[in-house]
Amino acid sequence: LPIADRVYVLDGGRVAFSGPPAAFEADSRLREVYLGLA
């Protein structure tokens, strides 16, 4: 995340999320799944 300008989450062969790292980190569901943070 610190070096990324944009993040894409692939799930089941589809783009489930796209946006800047800050938006990824602000999503509580994504934080829990991928960063282990509630």
Full PDB file with SEQRES, HELIX, SHEET, SSBOND, CRYST1, ORIGX, SCALE, CONECT and MASTER records, all heavy atoms in Angstrom:
SEQRES   1 A   38  LEU PRO ILE ALA ASP ARG VAL TYR VAL LEU ASP GLY GLY          
SEQRES   2 A   38  ARG VAL ALA PHE SER GLY PRO PRO ALA ALA PHE GLU ALA          
SEQRES   3 A   38  ASP SER ARG LEU ARG GLU VAL TYR LEU GLY LEU ALA              
HELIX    1 AA1 PRO A   21  ALA A   26  1                                   6    
HELIX    2 AA2 SER A   28  LEU A   30  1                                   3    
HELIX    3 AA3 ARG A   31  LEU A   35  3                                   5    
SHEET    1 AA1 2 VAL A   7  ASP A  11  0                                        
SHEET    2 AA1 2 ARG A  14  GLY A  19 -1                                        
CRYST1    1.000    1.000    1.000  90.00  90.00  90.00 P 1           1          
ORIGX1      1.000000  0.000000  0.000000        0.00000                         
ORIGX2      0.000000  1.000000  0.000000        0.00000                         
ORIGX3      0.000000  0.000000  1.000000        0.00000                         
SCALE1      1.000000  0.000000  0.000000        0.00000                         
SCALE2      0.000000  1.000000  0.000000        0.00000                         
SCALE3      0.000000  0.000000  1.000000        0.00000                         
ATOM      1  N   LEU A   1       0.801  -1.228   0.000  1.00  0.00           N  
ATOM      2  CA  LEU A   1       0.000   0.000   0.000  1.00  0.00           C  
ATOM      3  C   LEU A   1       0.834   1.280   0.000  1.00  0.00           C  
ATOM      4  O   LEU A   1       0.481   2.232  -0.697  1.00  0.00           O  
ATOM      5  CB  LEU A   1      -0.967   0.002   1.191  1.00  0.00           C  
ATOM      6  CG  LEU A   1      -2.099  -1.024   1.146  1.00  0.00           C  
ATOM      7  CD1 LEU A   1      -2.998  -0.862   2.366  1.00  0.00           C  
ATOM      8  CD2 LEU A   1      -2.915  -0.892  -0.131  1.00  0.00           C  
ATOM      9  N   PRO A   2       1.945   1.354   0.761  1.00  0.00           N  
ATOM     10  CA  PRO A   2       2.695   2.614   0.782  1.00  0.00           C  
ATOM     11  C   PRO A   2       3.282   3.040  -0.563  1.00  0.00           C  
ATOM     12  O   PRO A   2       3.545   4.230  -0.767  1.00  0.00           O  
ATOM     13  CB  PRO A   2       3.802   2.340   1.803  1.00  0.00           C  
ATOM     14  CG  PRO A   2       3.245   1.304   2.708  1.00  0.00           C  
ATOM     15  CD  PRO A   2       2.440   0.421   1.796  1.00  0.00           C  
ATOM     16  N   ILE A   3       3.511   2.091  -1.492  1.00  0.00           N  
ATOM     17  CA  ILE A   3       4.080   2.491  -2.778  1.00  0.00           C  
ATOM     18  C   ILE A   3       3.028   2.515  -3.892  1.00  0.00           C  
ATOM     19  O   ILE A   3       3.342   2.867  -5.027  1.00  0.00           O  
ATOM     20  CB  ILE A   3       5.245   1.570  -3.194  1.00  0.00           C  
ATOM     21  CG1 ILE A   3       4.756   0.178  -3.586  1.00  0.00           C  
ATOM     22  CG2 ILE A   3       6.300   1.492  -2.100  1.00  0.00           C  
ATOM     23  CD1 ILE A   3       5.808  -0.639  -4.319  1.00  0.00           C  
ATOM     24  N   ALA A   4       1.792   2.138  -3.573  1.00  0.00           N  
ATOM     25  CA  ALA A   4       0.755   2.028  -4.598  1.00  0.00           C  
ATOM     26  C   ALA A   4       0.041   3.358  -4.818  1.00  0.00           C  
ATOM     27  O   ALA A   4      -0.210   4.119  -3.878  1.00  0.00           O  
ATOM     28  CB  ALA A   4      -0.262   0.958  -4.216  1.00  0.00           C  
ATOM     29  N   ASP A   5      -0.293   3.635  -6.076  1.00  0.00           N  
ATOM     30  CA  ASP A   5      -1.124   4.787  -6.421  1.00  0.00           C  
ATOM     31  C   ASP A   5      -2.588   4.386  -6.563  1.00  0.00           C  
ATOM     32  O   ASP A   5      -3.478   5.214  -6.385  1.00  0.00           O  
ATOM     33  CB  ASP A   5      -0.642   5.401  -7.747  1.00  0.00           C  
ATOM     34  CG  ASP A   5       0.786   5.909  -7.652  1.00  0.00           C  
ATOM     35  OD1 ASP A   5       0.998   6.955  -7.016  1.00  0.00           O  
ATOM     36  OD2 ASP A   5       1.688   5.241  -8.194  1.00  0.00           O  
ATOM     37  N   ARG A   6      -2.796   3.100  -6.896  1.00  0.00           N  
ATOM     38  CA  ARG A   6      -4.157   2.600  -7.074  1.00  0.00           C  
ATOM     39  C   ARG A   6      -4.173   1.138  -6.653  1.00  0.00           C  
ATOM     40  O   ARG A   6      -3.190   0.429  -6.846  1.00  0.00           O  
ATOM     41  CB  ARG A   6      -4.594   2.746  -8.531  1.00  0.00           C  
ATOM     42  CG  ARG A   6      -6.045   2.362  -8.798  1.00  0.00           C  
ATOM     43  CD  ARG A   6      -6.457   2.592 -10.239  1.00  0.00           C  
ATOM     44  NE  ARG A   6      -6.393   3.998 -10.603  1.00  0.00           N  
ATOM     45  CZ  ARG A   6      -5.472   4.528 -11.402  1.00  0.00           C  
ATOM     46  NH1 ARG A   6      -4.549   3.765 -11.939  1.00  0.00           N  
ATOM     47  NH2 ARG A   6      -5.480   5.799 -11.681  1.00  0.00           N  
ATOM     48  N   VAL A   7      -5.291   0.707  -6.100  1.00  0.00           N  
ATOM     49  CA  VAL A   7      -5.436  -0.674  -5.638  1.00  0.00           C  
ATOM     50  C   VAL A   7      -6.631  -1.314  -6.336  1.00  0.00           C  
ATOM     51  O   VAL A   7      -7.703  -0.700  -6.440  1.00  0.00           O  
ATOM     52  CB  VAL A   7      -5.645  -0.735  -4.109  1.00  0.00           C  
ATOM     53  CG1 VAL A   7      -5.875  -2.178  -3.659  1.00  0.00           C  
ATOM     54  CG2 VAL A   7      -4.452  -0.133  -3.374  1.00  0.00           C  
ATOM     55  N   TYR A   8      -6.424  -2.521  -6.819  1.00  0.00           N  
ATOM     56  CA  TYR A   8      -7.504  -3.343  -7.361  1.00  0.00           C  
ATOM     57  C   TYR A   8      -7.581  -4.621  -6.541  1.00  0.00           C  
ATOM     58  O   TYR A   8      -6.546  -5.253  -6.276  1.00  0.00           O  
ATOM     59  CB  TYR A   8      -7.256  -3.708  -8.828  1.00  0.00           C  
ATOM     60  CG  TYR A   8      -7.248  -2.526  -9.761  1.00  0.00           C  
ATOM     61  CD1 TYR A   8      -6.052  -1.885 -10.083  1.00  0.00           C  
ATOM     62  CD2 TYR A   8      -8.421  -2.046 -10.328  1.00  0.00           C  
ATOM     63  CE1 TYR A   8      -6.038  -0.796 -10.938  1.00  0.00           C  
ATOM     64  CE2 TYR A   8      -8.422  -0.953 -11.190  1.00  0.00           C  
ATOM     65  CZ  TYR A   8      -7.221  -0.338 -11.492  1.00  0.00           C  
ATOM     66  OH  TYR A   8      -7.202   0.748 -12.340  1.00  0.00           O  
ATOM     67  N   VAL A   9      -8.777  -4.990  -6.134  1.00  0.00           N  
ATOM     68  CA  VAL A   9      -8.987  -6.265  -5.454  1.00  0.00           C  
ATOM     69  C   VAL A   9      -9.696  -7.201  -6.415  1.00  0.00           C  
ATOM     70  O   VAL A   9     -10.794  -6.883  -6.908  1.00  0.00           O  
ATOM     71  CB  VAL A   9      -9.828  -6.093  -4.170  1.00  0.00           C  
ATOM     72  CG1 VAL A   9     -10.134  -7.462  -3.551  1.00  0.00           C  
ATOM     73  CG2 VAL A   9      -9.101  -5.209  -3.159  1.00  0.00           C  
ATOM     74  N   LEU A  10      -9.059  -8.326  -6.708  1.00  0.00           N  
ATOM     75  CA  LEU A  10      -9.682  -9.370  -7.525  1.00  0.00           C  
ATOM     76  C   LEU A  10     -10.266 -10.433  -6.614  1.00  0.00           C  
ATOM     77  O   LEU A  10      -9.601 -10.909  -5.693  1.00  0.00           O  
ATOM     78  CB  LEU A  10      -8.658 -10.025  -8.460  1.00  0.00           C  
ATOM     79  CG  LEU A  10      -8.367  -9.388  -9.814  1.00  0.00           C  
ATOM     80  CD1 LEU A  10      -7.496 -10.336 -10.629  1.00  0.00           C  
ATOM     81  CD2 LEU A  10      -9.620  -9.047 -10.576  1.00  0.00           C  
ATOM     82  N   ASP A  11     -11.502 -10.809  -6.878  1.00  0.00           N  
ATOM     83  CA  ASP A  11     -12.151 -11.863  -6.105  1.00  0.00           C  
ATOM     84  C   ASP A  11     -13.050 -12.637  -7.052  1.00  0.00           C  
ATOM     85  O   ASP A  11     -13.930 -12.057  -7.693  1.00  0.00           O  
ATOM     86  CB  ASP A  11     -12.966 -11.259  -4.959  1.00  0.00           C  
ATOM     87  CG  ASP A  11     -13.362 -12.299  -3.919  1.00  0.00           C  
ATOM     88  OD1 ASP A  11     -13.094 -13.492  -4.141  1.00  0.00           O  
ATOM     89  OD2 ASP A  11     -13.939 -11.925  -2.884  1.00  0.00           O  
ATOM     90  N   GLY A  12     -12.791 -13.930  -7.180  1.00  0.00           N  
ATOM     91  CA  GLY A  12     -13.590 -14.742  -8.093  1.00  0.00           C  
ATOM     92  C   GLY A  12     -13.476 -14.312  -9.535  1.00  0.00           C  
ATOM     93  O   GLY A  12     -14.413 -14.481 -10.319  1.00  0.00           O  
ATOM     94  N   GLY A  13     -12.320 -13.767  -9.908  1.00  0.00           N  
ATOM     95  CA  GLY A  13     -12.094 -13.350 -11.286  1.00  0.00           C  
ATOM     96  C   GLY A  13     -12.710 -12.024 -11.664  1.00  0.00           C  
ATOM     97  O   GLY A  13     -12.683 -11.642 -12.834  1.00  0.00           O  
ATOM     98  N   ARG A  14     -13.247 -11.305 -10.677  1.00  0.00           N  
ATOM     99  CA  ARG A  14     -13.864  -9.997 -10.941  1.00  0.00           C  
ATOM    100  C   ARG A  14     -13.214  -8.929 -10.067  1.00  0.00           C  
ATOM    101  O   ARG A  14     -12.680  -9.228  -8.998  1.00  0.00           O  
ATOM    102  CB  ARG A  14     -15.374 -10.036 -10.670  1.00  0.00           C  
ATOM    103  CG  ARG A  14     -16.122 -11.079 -11.493  1.00  0.00           C  
ATOM    104  CD  ARG A  14     -17.610 -11.093 -11.146  1.00  0.00           C  
ATOM    105  NE  ARG A  14     -18.313 -12.170 -11.835  1.00  0.00           N  
ATOM    106  CZ  ARG A  14     -18.799 -12.065 -13.063  1.00  0.00           C  
ATOM    107  NH1 ARG A  14     -18.679 -10.921 -13.731  1.00  0.00           N  
ATOM    108  NH2 ARG A  14     -19.426 -13.082 -13.620  1.00  0.00           N  
ATOM    109  N   VAL A  15     -13.277  -7.687 -10.512  1.00  0.00           N  
ATOM    110  CA  VAL A  15     -12.767  -6.574  -9.716  1.00  0.00           C  
ATOM    111  C   VAL A  15     -13.802  -6.235  -8.650  1.00  0.00           C  
ATOM    112  O   VAL A  15     -14.886  -5.747  -8.949  1.00  0.00           O  
ATOM    113  CB  VAL A  15     -12.469  -5.347 -10.595  1.00  0.00           C  
ATOM    114  CG1 VAL A  15     -12.028  -4.169  -9.718  1.00  0.00           C  
ATOM    115  CG2 VAL A  15     -11.388  -5.670 -11.621  1.00  0.00           C  
ATOM    116  N   ALA A  16     -13.444  -6.516  -7.387  1.00  0.00           N  
ATOM    117  CA  ALA A  16     -14.355  -6.264  -6.273  1.00  0.00           C  
ATOM    118  C   ALA A  16     -14.154  -4.882  -5.669  1.00  0.00           C  
ATOM    119  O   ALA A  16     -15.019  -4.389  -4.946  1.00  0.00           O  
ATOM    120  CB  ALA A  16     -14.151  -7.328  -5.191  1.00  0.00           C  
ATOM    121  N   PHE A  17     -13.007  -4.269  -5.952  1.00  0.00           N  
ATOM    122  CA  PHE A  17     -12.718  -2.922  -5.454  1.00  0.00           C  
ATOM    123  C   PHE A  17     -11.663  -2.299  -6.353  1.00  0.00           C  
ATOM    124  O   PHE A  17     -10.733  -2.974  -6.798  1.00  0.00           O  
ATOM    125  CB  PHE A  17     -12.185  -2.970  -4.012  1.00  0.00           C  
ATOM    126  CG  PHE A  17     -11.642  -1.651  -3.526  1.00  0.00           C  
ATOM    127  CD1 PHE A  17     -12.472  -0.722  -2.905  1.00  0.00           C  
ATOM    128  CD2 PHE A  17     -10.294  -1.325  -3.699  1.00  0.00           C  
ATOM    129  CE1 PHE A  17     -11.961   0.489  -2.470  1.00  0.00           C  
ATOM    130  CE2 PHE A  17      -9.784  -0.115  -3.267  1.00  0.00           C  
ATOM    131  CZ  PHE A  17     -10.615   0.801  -2.656  1.00  0.00           C  
ATOM    132  N   SER A  18     -11.798  -1.008  -6.607  1.00  0.00           N  
ATOM    133  CA  SER A  18     -10.735  -0.248  -7.256  1.00  0.00           C  
ATOM    134  C   SER A  18     -10.755   1.160  -6.691  1.00  0.00           C  
ATOM    135  O   SER A  18     -11.816   1.750  -6.487  1.00  0.00           O  
ATOM    136  CB  SER A  18     -10.915  -0.212  -8.782  1.00  0.00           C  
ATOM    137  OG  SER A  18     -12.083   0.491  -9.140  1.00  0.00           O  
ATOM    138  N   GLY A  19      -9.578   1.678  -6.396  1.00  0.00           N  
ATOM    139  CA  GLY A  19      -9.499   3.017  -5.838  1.00  0.00           C  
ATOM    140  C   GLY A  19      -8.135   3.280  -5.240  1.00  0.00           C  
ATOM    141  O   GLY A  19      -7.249   2.420  -5.266  1.00  0.00           O  
ATOM    142  N   PRO A  20      -7.935   4.458  -4.673  1.00  0.00           N  
ATOM    143  CA  PRO A  20      -6.646   4.784  -4.063  1.00  0.00           C  
ATOM    144  C   PRO A  20      -6.431   4.001  -2.773  1.00  0.00           C  
ATOM    145  O   PRO A  20      -7.400   3.523  -2.161  1.00  0.00           O  
ATOM    146  CB  PRO A  20      -6.763   6.284  -3.797  1.00  0.00           C  
ATOM    147  CG  PRO A  20      -8.230   6.526  -3.664  1.00  0.00           C  
ATOM    148  CD  PRO A  20      -8.895   5.571  -4.614  1.00  0.00           C  
ATOM    149  N   PRO A  21      -5.181   3.866  -2.335  1.00  0.00           N  
ATOM    150  CA  PRO A  21      -4.910   3.123  -1.098  1.00  0.00           C  
ATOM    151  C   PRO A  21      -5.681   3.657   0.106  1.00  0.00           C  
ATOM    152  O   PRO A  21      -6.108   2.870   0.969  1.00  0.00           O  
ATOM    153  CB  PRO A  21      -3.400   3.293  -0.907  1.00  0.00           C  
ATOM    154  CG  PRO A  21      -2.869   3.507  -2.279  1.00  0.00           C  
ATOM    155  CD  PRO A  21      -3.934   4.282  -3.003  1.00  0.00           C  
ATOM    156  N   ALA A  22      -5.877   4.974   0.175  1.00  0.00           N  
ATOM    157  CA  ALA A  22      -6.599   5.544   1.320  1.00  0.00           C  
ATOM    158  C   ALA A  22      -8.030   5.034   1.386  1.00  0.00           C  
ATOM    159  O   ALA A  22      -8.560   4.759   2.474  1.00  0.00           O  
ATOM    160  CB  ALA A  22      -6.590   7.066   1.243  1.00  0.00           C  
ATOM    161  N   ALA A  23      -8.669   4.878   0.230  1.00  0.00           N  
ATOM    162  CA  ALA A  23     -10.040   4.353   0.201  1.00  0.00           C  
ATOM    163  C   ALA A  23     -10.062   2.886   0.598  1.00  0.00           C  
ATOM    164  O   ALA A  23     -10.990   2.426   1.265  1.00  0.00           O  
ATOM    165  CB  ALA A  23     -10.640   4.550  -1.185  1.00  0.00           C  
ATOM    166  N   PHE A  24      -9.049   2.139   0.177  1.00  0.00           N  
ATOM    167  CA  PHE A  24      -8.938   0.736   0.580  1.00  0.00           C  
ATOM    168  C   PHE A  24      -8.819   0.634   2.098  1.00  0.00           C  
ATOM    169  O   PHE A  24      -9.517  -0.148   2.740  1.00  0.00           O  
ATOM    170  CB  PHE A  24      -7.724   0.104  -0.095  1.00  0.00           C  
ATOM    171  CG  PHE A  24      -7.454  -1.318   0.321  1.00  0.00           C  
ATOM    172  CD1 PHE A  24      -8.005  -2.385  -0.376  1.00  0.00           C  
ATOM    173  CD2 PHE A  24      -6.637  -1.598   1.414  1.00  0.00           C  
ATOM    174  CE1 PHE A  24      -7.758  -3.689   0.017  1.00  0.00           C  
ATOM    175  CE2 PHE A  24      -6.386  -2.903   1.810  1.00  0.00           C  
ATOM    176  CZ  PHE A  24      -6.946  -3.949   1.099  1.00  0.00           C  
ATOM    177  N   GLU A  25      -7.935   1.430   2.685  1.00  0.00           N  
ATOM    178  CA  GLU A  25      -7.711   1.373   4.127  1.00  0.00           C  
ATOM    179  C   GLU A  25      -8.918   1.865   4.916  1.00  0.00           C  
ATOM    180  O   GLU A  25      -9.112   1.477   6.074  1.00  0.00           O  
ATOM    181  CB  GLU A  25      -6.477   2.191   4.492  1.00  0.00           C  
ATOM    182  CG  GLU A  25      -5.185   1.588   3.957  1.00  0.00           C  
ATOM    183  CD  GLU A  25      -3.969   2.399   4.353  1.00  0.00           C  
ATOM    184  OE1 GLU A  25      -3.783   3.498   3.814  1.00  0.00           O  
ATOM    185  OE2 GLU A  25      -3.224   1.921   5.218  1.00  0.00           O  
ATOM    186  N   ALA A  26      -9.736   2.725   4.308  1.00  0.00           N  
ATOM    187  CA  ALA A  26     -10.916   3.252   4.993  1.00  0.00           C  
ATOM    188  C   ALA A  26     -12.077   2.275   4.993  1.00  0.00           C  
ATOM    189  O   ALA A  26     -13.047   2.460   5.742  1.00  0.00           O  
ATOM    190  CB  ALA A  26     -11.353   4.567   4.341  1.00  0.00           C  
ATOM    191  N   ASP A  27     -11.996   1.235   4.157  1.00  0.00           N  
ATOM    192  CA  ASP A  27     -13.062   0.237   4.076  1.00  0.00           C  
ATOM    193  C   ASP A  27     -12.836  -0.801   5.165  1.00  0.00           C  
ATOM    194  O   ASP A  27     -11.889  -1.595   5.109  1.00  0.00           O  
ATOM    195  CB  ASP A  27     -13.048  -0.424   2.691  1.00  0.00           C  
ATOM    196  CG  ASP A  27     -14.239  -1.334   2.457  1.00  0.00           C  
ATOM    197  OD1 ASP A  27     -14.524  -2.178   3.335  1.00  0.00           O  
ATOM    198  OD2 ASP A  27     -14.877  -1.220   1.395  1.00  0.00           O  
ATOM    199  N   SER A  28     -13.679  -0.820   6.185  1.00  0.00           N  
ATOM    200  CA  SER A  28     -13.459  -1.691   7.337  1.00  0.00           C  
ATOM    201  C   SER A  28     -13.472  -3.163   6.958  1.00  0.00           C  
ATOM    202  O   SER A  28     -12.715  -3.968   7.524  1.00  0.00           O  
ATOM    203  CB  SER A  28     -14.523  -1.421   8.406  1.00  0.00           C  
ATOM    204  OG  SER A  28     -15.825  -1.644   7.893  1.00  0.00           O  
ATOM    205  N   ARG A  29     -14.299  -3.546   5.985  1.00  0.00           N  
ATOM    206  CA  ARG A  29     -14.353  -4.961   5.582  1.00  0.00           C  
ATOM    207  C   ARG A  29     -13.033  -5.369   4.938  1.00  0.00           C  
ATOM    208  O   ARG A  29     -12.472  -6.430   5.251  1.00  0.00           O  
ATOM    209  CB  ARG A  29     -15.497  -5.190   4.603  1.00  0.00           C  
ATOM    210  CG  ARG A  29     -15.636  -6.639   4.144  1.00  0.00           C  
ATOM    211  CD  ARG A  29     -16.753  -6.788   3.131  1.00  0.00           C  
ATOM    212  NE  ARG A  29     -16.452  -6.054   1.915  1.00  0.00           N  
ATOM    213  CZ  ARG A  29     -15.731  -6.555   0.898  1.00  0.00           C  
ATOM    214  NH1 ARG A  29     -15.224  -7.775   0.984  1.00  0.00           N  
ATOM    215  NH2 ARG A  29     -15.525  -5.842  -0.192  1.00  0.00           N  
ATOM    216  N   LEU A  30     -12.505  -4.536   4.049  1.00  0.00           N  
ATOM    217  CA  LEU A  30     -11.250  -4.846   3.385  1.00  0.00           C  
ATOM    218  C   LEU A  30     -10.087  -4.835   4.379  1.00  0.00           C  
ATOM    219  O   LEU A  30      -9.186  -5.671   4.305  1.00  0.00           O  
ATOM    220  CB  LEU A  30     -10.977  -3.849   2.254  1.00  0.00           C  
ATOM    221  CG  LEU A  30     -11.942  -3.917   1.068  1.00  0.00           C  
ATOM    222  CD1 LEU A  30     -11.648  -2.801   0.085  1.00  0.00           C  
ATOM    223  CD2 LEU A  30     -11.861  -5.269   0.371  1.00  0.00           C  
ATOM    224  N   ARG A  31     -10.123  -3.894   5.316  1.00  0.00           N  
ATOM    225  CA  ARG A  31      -9.077  -3.840   6.341  1.00  0.00           C  
ATOM    226  C   ARG A  31      -9.030  -5.133   7.150  1.00  0.00           C  
ATOM    227  O   ARG A  31      -7.958  -5.657   7.445  1.00  0.00           O  
ATOM    228  CB  ARG A  31      -9.331  -2.652   7.279  1.00  0.00           C  
ATOM    229  CG  ARG A  31      -8.921  -1.306   6.719  1.00  0.00           C  
ATOM    230  CD  ARG A  31      -9.487  -0.177   7.573  1.00  0.00           C  
ATOM    231  NE  ARG A  31      -9.096  -0.288   8.967  1.00  0.00           N  
ATOM    232  CZ  ARG A  31      -7.955   0.191   9.468  1.00  0.00           C  
ATOM    233  NH1 ARG A  31      -7.091   0.794   8.678  1.00  0.00           N  
ATOM    234  NH2 ARG A  31      -7.692   0.075  10.761  1.00  0.00           N  
ATOM    235  N   GLU A  32     -10.204  -5.645   7.479  1.00  0.00           N  
ATOM    236  CA  GLU A  32     -10.250  -6.871   8.283  1.00  0.00           C  
ATOM    237  C   GLU A  32      -9.756  -8.065   7.509  1.00  0.00           C  
ATOM    238  O   GLU A  32      -9.001  -8.914   8.018  1.00  0.00           O  
ATOM    239  CB  GLU A  32     -11.670  -7.103   8.773  1.00  0.00           C  
ATOM    240  CG  GLU A  32     -11.802  -8.324   9.687  1.00  0.00           C  
ATOM    241  CD  GLU A  32     -13.207  -8.474  10.254  1.00  0.00           C  
ATOM    242  OE1 GLU A  32     -14.076  -7.625   9.941  1.00  0.00           O  
ATOM    243  OE2 GLU A  32     -13.419  -9.437  10.994  1.00  0.00           O  
ATOM    244  N   VAL A  33     -10.149  -8.162   6.226  1.00  0.00           N  
ATOM    245  CA  VAL A  33      -9.803  -9.340   5.427  1.00  0.00           C  
ATOM    246  C   VAL A  33      -8.338  -9.342   5.053  1.00  0.00           C  
ATOM    247  O   VAL A  33      -7.647 -10.362   5.143  1.00  0.00           O  
ATOM    248  CB  VAL A  33     -10.690  -9.400   4.161  1.00  0.00           C  
ATOM    249  CG1 VAL A  33     -10.195 -10.513   3.234  1.00  0.00           C  
ATOM    250  CG2 VAL A  33     -12.139  -9.653   4.531  1.00  0.00           C  
ATOM    251  N   TYR A  34      -7.817  -8.169   4.612  1.00  0.00           N  
ATOM    252  CA  TYR A  34      -6.481  -8.135   4.030  1.00  0.00           C  
ATOM    253  C   TYR A  34      -5.399  -7.592   4.957  1.00  0.00           C  
ATOM    254  O   TYR A  34      -4.225  -7.839   4.744  1.00  0.00           O  
ATOM    255  CB  TYR A  34      -6.499  -7.306   2.735  1.00  0.00           C  
ATOM    256  CG  TYR A  34      -7.319  -7.975   1.671  1.00  0.00           C  
ATOM    257  CD1 TYR A  34      -8.590  -7.530   1.344  1.00  0.00           C  
ATOM    258  CD2 TYR A  34      -6.838  -9.094   0.987  1.00  0.00           C  
ATOM    259  CE1 TYR A  34      -9.359  -8.161   0.390  1.00  0.00           C  
ATOM    260  CE2 TYR A  34      -7.593  -9.733   0.024  1.00  0.00           C  
ATOM    261  CZ  TYR A  34      -8.854  -9.264  -0.267  1.00  0.00           C  
ATOM    262  OH  TYR A  34      -9.608  -9.903  -1.220  1.00  0.00           O  
ATOM    263  N   LEU A  35      -5.760  -6.838   5.960  1.00  0.00           N  
ATOM    264  CA  LEU A  35      -4.779  -6.299   6.881  1.00  0.00           C  
ATOM    265  C   LEU A  35      -4.924  -6.870   8.293  1.00  0.00           C  
ATOM    266  O   LEU A  35      -4.097  -6.600   9.160  1.00  0.00           O  
ATOM    267  CB  LEU A  35      -4.875  -4.769   6.938  1.00  0.00           C  
ATOM    268  CG  LEU A  35      -4.516  -4.028   5.640  1.00  0.00           C  
ATOM    269  CD1 LEU A  35      -4.803  -2.550   5.791  1.00  0.00           C  
ATOM    270  CD2 LEU A  35      -3.050  -4.243   5.286  1.00  0.00           C  
ATOM    271  N   GLY A  36      -5.997  -7.630   8.527  1.00  0.00           N  
ATOM    272  CA  GLY A  36      -6.218  -8.193   9.842  1.00  0.00           C  
ATOM    273  C   GLY A  36      -6.582  -7.147  10.884  1.00  0.00           C  
ATOM    274  O   GLY A  36      -6.373  -7.343  12.087  1.00  0.00           O  
ATOM    275  N   LEU A  37      -7.141  -6.029  10.408  1.00  0.00           N  
ATOM    276  CA  LEU A  37      -7.509  -4.933  11.314  1.00  0.00           C  
ATOM    277  C   LEU A  37      -9.012  -4.723  11.281  1.00  0.00           C  
ATOM    278  O   LEU A  37      -9.605  -4.600  10.191  1.00  0.00           O  
ATOM    279  CB  LEU A  37      -6.826  -3.634  10.893  1.00  0.00           C  
ATOM    280  CG  LEU A  37      -5.284  -3.679  10.865  1.00  0.00           C  
ATOM    281  CD1 LEU A  37      -4.731  -2.396  10.249  1.00  0.00           C  
ATOM    282  CD2 LEU A  37      -4.718  -3.896  12.243  1.00  0.00           C  
ATOM    283  N   ALA A  38      -9.629  -4.685  12.425  1.00  0.00           N  
ATOM    284  CA  ALA A  38     -11.080  -4.471  12.482  1.00  0.00           C  
ATOM    285  C   ALA A  38     -11.406  -2.989  12.364  1.00  0.00           C  
ATOM    286  O   ALA A  38     -10.568  -2.149  12.615  1.00  0.00           O  
ATOM    287  CB  ALA A  38     -11.614  -5.025  13.784  1.00  0.00           C  
TER     288      ALA A  38                                                      
MASTER        0    0    0    3    2    0    0    6  287    1    0    3          
END                                                                             
